[in-house]
Amino acid sequence: MPMHSHYHDLLPEWAADRYLPLLHSRSAIRQATTRIFLLLPPGKDR
C-alpha cells in the first residue's frame, strides 16, 4: 500500500535491492525471534 507509513520506511531498502524477509507462520516467527517485549497496560498483571 503506497500510502502506508511503512511503505516509505522500506522504500530505500527495496531501492538498494536489499531483501527484507516477511515471516508469515508462527514457527518462522519463533525461529527468528531474538527478544520478546510484553507490554501491559498500567495496573495490569500478567
C-alpha atoms as a PDB file:
ATOM      1  CA  MET A   1       0.000   0.000   0.000  1.00  0.00           C
ATOM      2  CA  PRO A   2       1.925   3.021  -1.223  1.00  0.00           C
ATOM      3  CA  MET A   3       0.280   5.444   1.214  1.00  0.00           C
ATOM      4  CA  HIS A   4       1.069   3.337   4.300  1.00  0.00           C
ATOM      5  CA  SER A   5       3.791   4.802   6.538  1.00  0.00           C
ATOM      6  CA  HIS A   6       5.858   1.596   6.478  1.00  0.00           C
ATOM      7  CA  TYR A   7       5.996   1.686   2.698  1.00  0.00           C
ATOM      8  CA  HIS A   8       8.132   4.821   2.918  1.00  0.00           C
ATOM      9  CA  ASP A   9      10.276   3.275   5.694  1.00  0.00           C
ATOM     10  CA  LEU A  10      11.143   0.305   3.485  1.00  0.00           C
ATOM     11  CA  LEU A  11      11.457   2.058   0.123  1.00  0.00           C
ATOM     12  CA  PRO A  12      15.204   2.867   0.477  1.00  0.00           C
ATOM     13  CA  GLU A  13      15.918  -0.792   1.298  1.00  0.00           C
ATOM     14  CA  TRP A  14      13.957  -2.020  -1.706  1.00  0.00           C
ATOM     15  CA  ALA A  15      15.584   0.577  -3.957  1.00  0.00           C
ATOM     16  CA  ALA A  16      19.021  -0.689  -2.848  1.00  0.00           C
ATOM     17  CA  ASP A  17      17.876  -4.229  -3.762  1.00  0.00           C
ATOM     18  CA  ARG A  18      18.112  -5.428  -0.159  1.00  0.00           C
ATOM     19  CA  TYR A  19      15.936  -8.344   0.886  1.00  0.00           C
ATOM     20  CA  LEU A  20      13.537  -7.944   3.813  1.00  0.00           C
ATOM     21  CA  PRO A  21      12.105 -11.288   4.883  1.00  0.00           C
ATOM     22  CA  LEU A  22       8.443 -11.376   5.835  1.00  0.00           C
ATOM     23  CA  LEU A  23       7.570 -14.075   8.334  1.00  0.00           C
ATOM     24  CA  HIS A  24       4.072 -15.465   7.872  1.00  0.00           C
ATOM     25  CA  SER A  25       3.962 -18.572  10.046  1.00  0.00           C
ATOM     26  CA  ARG A  26       4.118 -18.864  13.822  1.00  0.00           C
ATOM     27  CA  SER A  27       7.038 -21.308  13.592  1.00  0.00           C
ATOM     28  CA  ALA A  28       9.026 -18.960  11.316  1.00  0.00           C
ATOM     29  CA  ILE A  29       8.415 -16.084  13.719  1.00  0.00           C
ATOM     30  CA  ARG A  30       9.545 -18.200  16.693  1.00  0.00           C
ATOM     31  CA  GLN A  31      12.750 -19.196  14.896  1.00  0.00           C
ATOM     32  CA  ALA A  32      13.599 -15.579  14.011  1.00  0.00           C
ATOM     33  CA  THR A  33      12.665 -14.077  17.398  1.00  0.00           C
ATOM     34  CA  THR A  34      15.605 -12.912  19.486  1.00  0.00           C
ATOM     35  CA  ARG A  35      13.707 -10.856  22.081  1.00  0.00           C
ATOM     36  CA  ILE A  36      10.141 -10.587  23.330  1.00  0.00           C
ATOM     37  CA  PHE A  37       8.670  -7.491  24.941  1.00  0.00           C
ATOM     38  CA  LEU A  38       5.480  -7.939  26.910  1.00  0.00           C
ATOM     39  CA  LEU A  39       3.545  -4.680  27.043  1.00  0.00           C
ATOM     40  CA  LEU A  40       0.760  -4.432  29.611  1.00  0.00           C
ATOM     41  CA  PRO A  41      -1.494  -1.504  30.431  1.00  0.00           C
ATOM     42  CA  PRO A  42      -0.756   0.222  33.752  1.00  0.00           C
ATOM     43  CA  GLY A  43      -2.111  -1.711  36.742  1.00  0.00           C
ATOM     44  CA  LYS A  44      -2.467  -4.949  34.753  1.00  0.00           C
ATOM     45  CA  ASP A  45      -0.607  -8.036  35.980  1.00  0.00           C
ATOM     46  CA  ARG A  46       0.221 -10.973  33.776  1.00  0.00           C
END
